[in-house]
Amino acid sequence: MKKKIAIIIVAFVMLSFLMFYKLDSYIMSPGSAYDVSEFVDVQNAGKENEGTFNLMTVSMMRATPLLYAIALVKEHQEIIQLNNVRQNEEDDEEYNIRQFKLMTDSQFNALYVAFSKAGLDYKVTFKGVYVLNVLAGGAAEGIIKAGDEIVEVNGQRIKKQSELVDIISKAQKADSVELVINRNNELLTKDVQLKEIPGSDGRVGLGVVFTESKSIKTEPIVKINAEDIGGPSAGLMFTLEILNQLLNEDLTKGYTVAGTGEMHEDGTVGRIGGIDNKVIAADRDGMEIFFAPDDEITAEMRQYNPKIESNYAVAVKTAEEIGTKMKIIPVKTIDDALDYLQTLQPK
């Protein structure tokens, strides 16, 4: 009897290990297509369009031994090492904060580009410097948190990250700086004694990774509710949907249009990850047109990864492999997407 109980316990422990122990890798697989009009609402705009613009997602799961083994043999599942997903020293919370920031930035850029294209007014406000990551052993460790906004340094209001860099670059090791930070809409004063940045060439600083924090005010008002979608890859489709609601025409021409790509402020469409999985998901969900970033591969990128291909090249290859009738359209800029849509005959 005792032997049977011991066997059951061992089996339970092994099964638990296979199912729940987290490995240093992720499993990526095709996600789904989502009608962007469900996330974007332009004030007083109609949504009576025949077609739809759709953003694409991928499924990302932390690998366990069982999931890892399944991914090795299952089609359309990709194993990605943890260091290819997270930045140096980034924990779960900081990763989620960075993904959230990338998404909010993509929304900002979508609004900026869409209103610029529509010839409508907008106002940009610089709010400070947004902290993405606090380095272990850095000056700010235990004082500043990821998600904080630095709005003031030594009594000087900070609006752009260049202003923060200018102040810190003039400081010496062991100098103390007084920061005012916005944490969850509460202003806090923090003193930080500067020290060498971990992993640097002796440079002195706060030991944080940061980016600019800014907002945009538009007329009409646009509400984007996409907190559950991380990363910047929906930027292109957000831009198209905002324009579709702002302009007095149906840009979709009655088609189900999917796509992906980061939207930059200058209107260029940036490279994203997992495009093969997004093509598979788009085909599975009945999309007719797929916009893929036609990004340029630099010599530096090819030196780092000799097998690297553009998003568009991977999308075309994947489309051929699955035998889809969906059209894969290369886009370098928002204008490429708009020009293609203009050539379509309405369904």
Protein backbone atom coordinates (compact mmCIF):
# COMPACT_ATOMS: atom_id res chain seq x y z
CA MET A 1 0.00 0.00 0.00
CA LYS A 2 2.77 2.40 0.96
CA LYS A 3 4.54 1.61 -2.32
CA LYS A 4 1.41 2.49 -4.32
CA ILE A 5 1.02 5.76 -2.45
CA ALA A 6 4.67 6.60 -3.09
CA ILE A 7 4.24 5.87 -6.82
CA ILE A 8 1.12 8.08 -6.96
CA ILE A 9 2.96 10.91 -5.20
CA VAL A 10 5.95 10.65 -7.53
CA ALA A 11 3.66 10.55 -10.58
CA PHE A 12 1.78 13.59 -9.29
CA VAL A 13 5.00 15.52 -8.73
CA MET A 14 6.29 14.64 -12.21
CA LEU A 15 2.99 15.57 -13.85
CA SER A 16 2.92 18.87 -11.96
CA PHE A 17 6.48 19.57 -13.12
CA LEU A 18 5.61 18.83 -16.75
CA MET A 19 2.48 20.99 -16.65
CA PHE A 20 3.43 23.95 -14.46
CA TYR A 21 7.21 24.44 -14.25
CA LYS A 22 8.07 27.59 -16.23
CA LEU A 23 10.93 27.35 -18.68
CA ASP A 24 12.98 30.28 -20.01
CA SER A 25 11.04 30.32 -23.27
CA TYR A 26 7.66 31.18 -24.77
CA ILE A 27 5.38 29.37 -27.22
CA MET A 28 4.00 31.56 -30.01
CA SER A 29 1.06 30.42 -32.11
CA PRO A 30 -1.60 32.03 -34.35
CA GLY A 31 -4.08 34.27 -32.54
CA SER A 32 -7.21 35.85 -34.02
CA ALA A 33 -8.51 38.73 -36.12
CA TYR A 34 -10.41 41.49 -34.33
CA ASP A 35 -12.59 44.15 -35.94
CA VAL A 36 -10.82 47.40 -35.03
CA SER A 37 -14.10 49.35 -34.99
CA GLU A 38 -14.89 47.50 -31.75
CA PHE A 39 -11.93 49.27 -30.12
CA VAL A 40 -12.05 52.69 -31.82
CA ASP A 41 -14.85 55.23 -31.40
CA VAL A 42 -14.65 58.60 -33.14
CA GLN A 43 -17.12 61.08 -31.69
CA ASN A 44 -20.21 61.60 -33.90
CA ALA A 45 -18.81 59.32 -36.60
CA GLY A 46 -20.80 56.65 -38.38
CA LYS A 47 -19.70 53.02 -38.58
CA GLU A 48 -22.03 51.91 -41.37
CA ASN A 49 -19.31 50.32 -43.48
CA GLU A 50 -19.67 47.21 -45.60
CA GLY A 51 -16.22 45.86 -44.79
CA THR A 52 -13.93 45.84 -41.76
CA PHE A 53 -10.38 46.67 -40.75
CA ASN A 54 -8.97 43.96 -38.53
CA LEU A 55 -5.95 43.86 -36.23
CA MET A 56 -4.15 40.56 -35.78
CA THR A 57 -2.91 38.94 -32.59
CA VAL A 58 -0.66 36.04 -31.71
CA SER A 59 -0.96 33.73 -28.72
CA MET A 60 2.04 33.90 -26.37
CA MET A 61 2.31 31.37 -23.54
CA ARG A 62 5.15 30.81 -21.11
CA ALA A 63 6.55 27.37 -21.93
CA THR A 64 6.32 24.43 -19.58
CA PRO A 65 8.06 21.10 -20.30
CA LEU A 66 4.77 19.67 -21.62
CA LEU A 67 3.96 22.67 -23.80
CA TYR A 68 7.55 22.74 -25.05
CA ALA A 69 7.36 19.09 -26.13
CA ILE A 70 4.04 19.66 -27.90
CA ALA A 71 5.43 22.72 -29.72
CA LEU A 72 8.33 20.67 -31.07
CA VAL A 73 5.96 18.50 -33.10
CA LYS A 74 2.85 20.62 -33.55
CA GLU A 75 2.50 22.72 -36.70
CA HIS A 76 2.49 26.52 -36.48
CA GLN A 77 3.92 26.70 -32.96
CA GLU A 78 7.19 28.54 -32.48
CA ILE A 79 9.51 28.30 -29.49
CA ILE A 80 11.08 31.65 -28.57
CA GLN A 81 13.80 32.03 -25.96
CA LEU A 82 13.10 34.35 -23.07
CA ASN A 83 15.96 36.73 -23.93
CA ASN A 84 14.39 37.28 -27.37
CA VAL A 85 11.15 38.44 -25.75
CA ARG A 86 12.29 40.38 -22.72
CA GLN A 87 14.93 43.05 -22.41
CA ASN A 88 17.93 42.74 -20.11
CA GLU A 89 16.92 42.34 -16.44
CA GLU A 90 13.22 42.78 -17.29
CA ASP A 91 10.82 40.94 -14.98
CA ASP A 92 7.17 40.03 -15.64
CA GLU A 93 5.82 43.34 -14.36
CA GLU A 94 8.30 45.43 -16.34
CA TYR A 95 7.62 43.39 -19.48
CA ASN A 96 3.88 44.01 -19.15
CA ILE A 97 4.47 47.72 -18.51
CA ARG A 98 6.66 47.99 -21.61
CA GLN A 99 4.04 46.20 -23.72
CA PHE A 100 1.37 48.57 -22.39
CA LYS A 101 3.56 51.59 -23.19
CA LEU A 102 4.22 50.31 -26.71
CA MET A 103 0.48 49.97 -27.23
CA THR A 104 -0.31 53.47 -25.94
CA ASP A 105 2.46 54.89 -28.13
CA SER A 106 0.99 53.08 -31.14
CA GLN A 107 -2.37 54.69 -30.36
CA PHE A 108 -0.74 58.12 -30.10
CA ASN A 109 0.99 57.66 -33.46
CA ALA A 110 -2.20 56.36 -35.06
CA LEU A 111 -4.08 59.47 -33.95
CA TYR A 112 -1.23 61.77 -34.97
CA VAL A 113 -0.92 60.28 -38.46
CA ALA A 114 -4.68 59.92 -39.04
CA PHE A 115 -5.50 63.50 -38.07
CA SER A 116 -2.54 64.79 -40.09
CA LYS A 117 -3.80 62.87 -43.15
CA ALA A 118 -7.36 64.11 -42.62
CA GLY A 119 -6.18 67.71 -42.26
CA LEU A 120 -7.77 68.06 -38.82
CA ASP A 121 -6.40 69.88 -35.78
CA TYR A 122 -4.73 68.22 -32.82
CA LYS A 123 -2.62 69.26 -29.84
CA VAL A 124 0.36 67.30 -28.51
CA THR A 125 1.30 67.63 -24.83
CA PHE A 126 4.62 66.35 -23.47
CA LYS A 127 4.03 64.94 -19.99
CA GLY A 128 7.50 63.85 -18.88
CA VAL A 129 9.73 60.81 -19.07
CA TYR A 130 8.22 57.32 -18.69
CA VAL A 131 10.32 54.70 -16.88
CA LEU A 132 10.29 51.29 -18.56
CA ASN A 133 12.90 49.43 -16.53
CA VAL A 134 14.99 49.99 -13.39
CA LEU A 135 18.43 48.34 -13.54
CA ALA A 136 19.52 46.16 -10.65
CA GLY A 137 22.36 47.88 -8.81
CA GLY A 138 21.55 51.24 -10.40
CA ALA A 139 21.07 54.50 -8.53
CA ALA A 140 17.27 54.39 -8.79
CA GLU A 141 16.82 50.79 -7.62
CA GLY A 142 14.26 50.68 -4.82
CA ILE A 143 13.34 54.34 -5.36
CA ILE A 144 11.82 54.52 -8.83
CA LYS A 145 9.52 51.90 -10.33
CA ALA A 146 8.70 50.89 -13.88
CA GLY A 147 5.63 52.87 -14.92
CA ASP A 148 6.68 56.04 -13.07
CA GLU A 149 6.77 59.33 -14.98
CA ILE A 150 9.63 61.69 -14.13
CA VAL A 151 8.13 65.17 -14.43
CA GLU A 152 10.69 67.35 -12.61
CA VAL A 153 14.44 67.24 -11.85
CA ASN A 154 16.03 69.67 -9.36
CA GLY A 155 13.07 72.00 -9.72
CA GLN A 156 13.13 72.00 -13.53
CA ARG A 157 10.00 70.81 -15.33
CA ILE A 158 10.82 67.92 -17.67
CA LYS A 159 8.81 67.54 -20.85
CA LYS A 160 11.12 65.70 -23.25
CA GLN A 161 13.65 62.96 -22.60
CA SER A 162 16.42 65.13 -24.07
CA GLU A 163 15.94 67.54 -21.17
CA LEU A 164 16.45 64.77 -18.62
CA VAL A 165 19.53 63.48 -20.47
CA ASP A 166 21.01 66.99 -20.56
CA ILE A 167 20.65 67.49 -16.81
CA ILE A 168 21.96 64.05 -15.81
CA SER A 169 24.89 64.18 -18.25
CA LYS A 170 26.25 67.26 -16.46
CA ALA A 171 26.13 65.61 -13.03
CA GLN A 172 28.99 63.87 -11.29
CA LYS A 173 29.17 60.54 -9.47
CA ALA A 174 27.59 60.76 -6.00
CA ASP A 175 25.69 63.93 -6.90
CA SER A 176 22.15 63.86 -5.54
CA VAL A 177 19.19 64.84 -7.69
CA GLU A 178 15.66 65.63 -6.54
CA LEU A 179 13.01 64.05 -8.72
CA VAL A 180 9.28 64.63 -8.82
CA ILE A 181 7.55 61.58 -10.22
CA ASN A 182 3.98 60.79 -11.15
CA ARG A 183 3.06 57.36 -9.79
CA ASN A 184 -0.55 56.31 -10.39
CA ASN A 185 -1.61 59.99 -10.64
CA GLU A 186 0.11 60.87 -7.35
CA LEU A 187 3.09 63.26 -7.31
CA LEU A 188 5.99 62.03 -5.18
CA THR A 189 9.36 63.64 -4.40
CA LYS A 190 12.36 61.30 -4.48
CA ASP A 191 16.07 61.95 -3.85
CA VAL A 192 18.47 59.80 -5.86
CA GLN A 193 22.24 59.70 -5.43
CA LEU A 194 23.77 59.09 -8.86
CA LYS A 195 26.21 56.28 -9.50
CA GLU A 196 27.71 54.41 -12.44
CA ILE A 197 25.12 52.79 -14.68
CA PRO A 198 25.41 48.97 -14.43
CA GLY A 199 26.97 47.49 -17.55
CA SER A 200 28.02 50.87 -18.95
CA ASP A 201 31.48 52.25 -19.73
CA GLY A 202 31.59 54.24 -16.52
CA ARG A 203 28.77 56.63 -17.35
CA VAL A 204 26.92 58.13 -14.38
CA GLY A 205 23.14 58.17 -14.27
CA LEU A 206 19.90 57.02 -12.69
CA GLY A 207 20.17 53.48 -14.01
CA VAL A 208 16.76 53.45 -15.68
CA VAL A 209 15.50 52.72 -19.18
CA PHE A 210 13.02 55.39 -20.25
CA THR A 211 11.07 56.94 -23.10
CA GLU A 212 8.98 60.06 -23.62
CA SER A 213 5.46 60.33 -22.27
CA LYS A 214 3.06 62.44 -24.31
CA SER A 215 -0.61 62.74 -25.10
CA ILE A 216 -2.65 64.05 -28.00
CA LYS A 217 -5.92 65.97 -27.86
CA THR A 218 -8.12 65.83 -30.96
CA GLU A 219 -11.36 67.27 -32.24
CA PRO A 220 -13.46 65.21 -32.71
CA ILE A 221 -12.53 63.16 -29.65
CA VAL A 222 -11.35 59.61 -30.31
CA LYS A 223 -11.60 56.86 -27.71
CA ILE A 224 -9.45 53.76 -28.11
CA ASN A 225 -10.15 50.91 -25.70
CA ALA A 226 -7.45 48.30 -26.25
CA GLU A 227 -5.80 47.85 -22.85
CA ASP A 228 -5.81 44.07 -23.23
CA ILE A 229 -3.74 44.19 -26.42
CA GLY A 230 -0.03 44.69 -25.80
CA GLY A 231 2.71 45.84 -28.14
CA PRO A 232 2.79 48.26 -31.08
CA SER A 233 1.78 45.99 -33.96
CA ALA A 234 -1.82 47.23 -34.26
CA GLY A 235 -0.71 50.77 -35.11
CA LEU A 236 -1.33 50.56 -38.87
CA MET A 237 -4.83 49.14 -38.46
CA PHE A 238 -5.73 51.68 -35.77
CA THR A 239 -4.68 54.45 -38.15
CA LEU A 240 -6.81 53.08 -40.99
CA GLU A 241 -9.85 52.65 -38.76
CA ILE A 242 -9.57 56.19 -37.34
CA LEU A 243 -9.34 57.57 -40.88
CA ASN A 244 -12.27 55.41 -41.95
CA GLN A 245 -14.44 56.98 -39.26
CA LEU A 246 -13.12 60.52 -39.80
CA LEU A 247 -13.59 60.57 -43.57
CA ASN A 248 -16.96 60.54 -45.24
CA GLU A 249 -16.26 57.37 -47.23
CA ASP A 250 -15.89 53.62 -46.74
CA LEU A 251 -12.18 52.94 -47.12
CA THR A 252 -12.76 49.18 -46.83
CA LYS A 253 -14.76 49.09 -50.09
CA GLY A 254 -16.66 46.19 -48.53
CA TYR A 255 -13.65 43.91 -47.98
CA THR A 256 -12.42 42.25 -44.82
CA VAL A 257 -8.98 43.84 -44.49
CA ALA A 258 -6.41 42.61 -42.00
CA GLY A 259 -2.88 43.77 -41.38
CA THR A 260 -0.13 44.49 -38.94
CA GLY A 261 2.73 46.91 -38.45
CA GLU A 262 3.94 49.55 -36.06
CA MET A 263 2.90 53.08 -37.03
CA HIS A 264 5.62 55.71 -36.72
CA GLU A 265 4.98 59.44 -36.44
CA ASP A 266 6.34 60.03 -39.94
CA GLY A 267 3.79 57.62 -41.43
CA THR A 268 6.18 54.73 -42.04
CA VAL A 269 5.12 51.22 -41.10
CA GLY A 270 7.54 49.38 -38.84
CA ARG A 271 8.55 45.75 -38.60
CA ILE A 272 6.80 43.46 -36.10
CA GLY A 273 7.22 39.93 -34.79
CA GLY A 274 5.17 36.80 -35.48
CA ILE A 275 3.90 37.81 -38.89
CA ASP A 276 3.74 34.21 -40.12
CA ASN A 277 1.34 33.36 -37.29
CA LYS A 278 -0.73 36.44 -38.08
CA VAL A 279 -1.05 35.44 -41.74
CA ILE A 280 -2.23 31.97 -40.68
CA ALA A 281 -4.76 33.47 -38.25
CA ALA A 282 -6.01 35.97 -40.85
CA ASP A 283 -6.59 33.21 -43.39
CA ARG A 284 -8.35 31.05 -40.81
CA ASP A 285 -10.63 33.97 -39.87
CA GLY A 286 -11.63 34.65 -43.47
CA MET A 287 -9.68 37.82 -44.24
CA GLU A 288 -9.45 38.83 -47.92
CA ILE A 289 -6.58 41.34 -47.82
CA PHE A 290 -3.52 41.44 -45.57
CA PHE A 291 -1.22 44.45 -45.23
CA ALA A 292 2.35 43.40 -44.37
CA PRO A 293 5.23 45.78 -43.50
CA ASP A 294 7.71 45.90 -46.36
CA ASP A 295 10.61 46.73 -44.09
CA GLU A 296 14.16 47.12 -45.30
CA ILE A 297 16.81 44.71 -44.01
CA THR A 298 19.99 46.61 -43.19
CA ALA A 299 23.51 45.24 -43.37
CA GLU A 300 23.72 45.40 -39.57
CA MET A 301 20.54 43.35 -39.22
CA ARG A 302 21.80 40.75 -41.67
CA GLN A 303 25.15 40.56 -39.90
CA TYR A 304 23.37 39.86 -36.62
CA ASN A 305 21.00 37.36 -38.26
CA PRO A 306 22.05 36.12 -41.72
CA LYS A 307 18.69 34.38 -42.24
CA ILE A 308 16.56 37.44 -41.52
CA GLU A 309 13.82 38.31 -44.02
CA SER A 310 11.44 41.25 -44.32
CA ASN A 311 7.96 40.94 -42.86
CA TYR A 312 6.50 41.02 -46.37
CA ALA A 313 8.78 38.21 -47.61
CA VAL A 314 7.81 36.00 -44.66
CA ALA A 315 4.13 36.82 -45.15
CA VAL A 316 4.27 35.84 -48.86
CA LYS A 317 6.12 32.62 -48.07
CA THR A 318 3.60 31.70 -45.37
CA ALA A 319 0.67 32.48 -47.66
CA GLU A 320 2.10 30.16 -50.31
CA GLU A 321 2.68 27.39 -47.76
CA ILE A 322 -0.92 27.42 -46.52
CA GLY A 323 -2.40 27.97 -49.98
CA THR A 324 -4.50 30.98 -49.04
CA LYS A 325 -6.41 33.11 -51.55
CA MET A 326 -5.90 36.13 -49.31
CA LYS A 327 -3.96 38.91 -51.02
CA ILE A 328 -0.70 39.92 -49.32
CA ILE A 329 -0.02 43.62 -49.89
CA PRO A 330 3.36 45.23 -49.07
CA VAL A 331 3.26 48.59 -47.28
CA LYS A 332 6.16 50.85 -46.37
CA THR A 333 3.97 53.79 -45.36
CA ILE A 334 0.35 54.58 -44.52
CA ASP A 335 0.09 56.07 -48.01
CA ASP A 336 0.87 52.67 -49.56
CA ALA A 337 -2.13 51.18 -47.76
CA LEU A 338 -4.42 54.09 -48.66
CA ASP A 339 -3.31 54.07 -52.30
CA TYR A 340 -4.05 50.35 -52.57
CA LEU A 341 -7.50 50.77 -51.03
CA GLN A 342 -8.26 53.55 -53.51
CA THR A 343 -7.60 51.18 -56.43
CA LEU A 344 -10.07 48.59 -55.19
CA GLN A 345 -13.41 48.23 -56.89
CA PRO A 346 -16.23 48.22 -54.29
CA LYS A 347 -17.69 44.77 -53.67
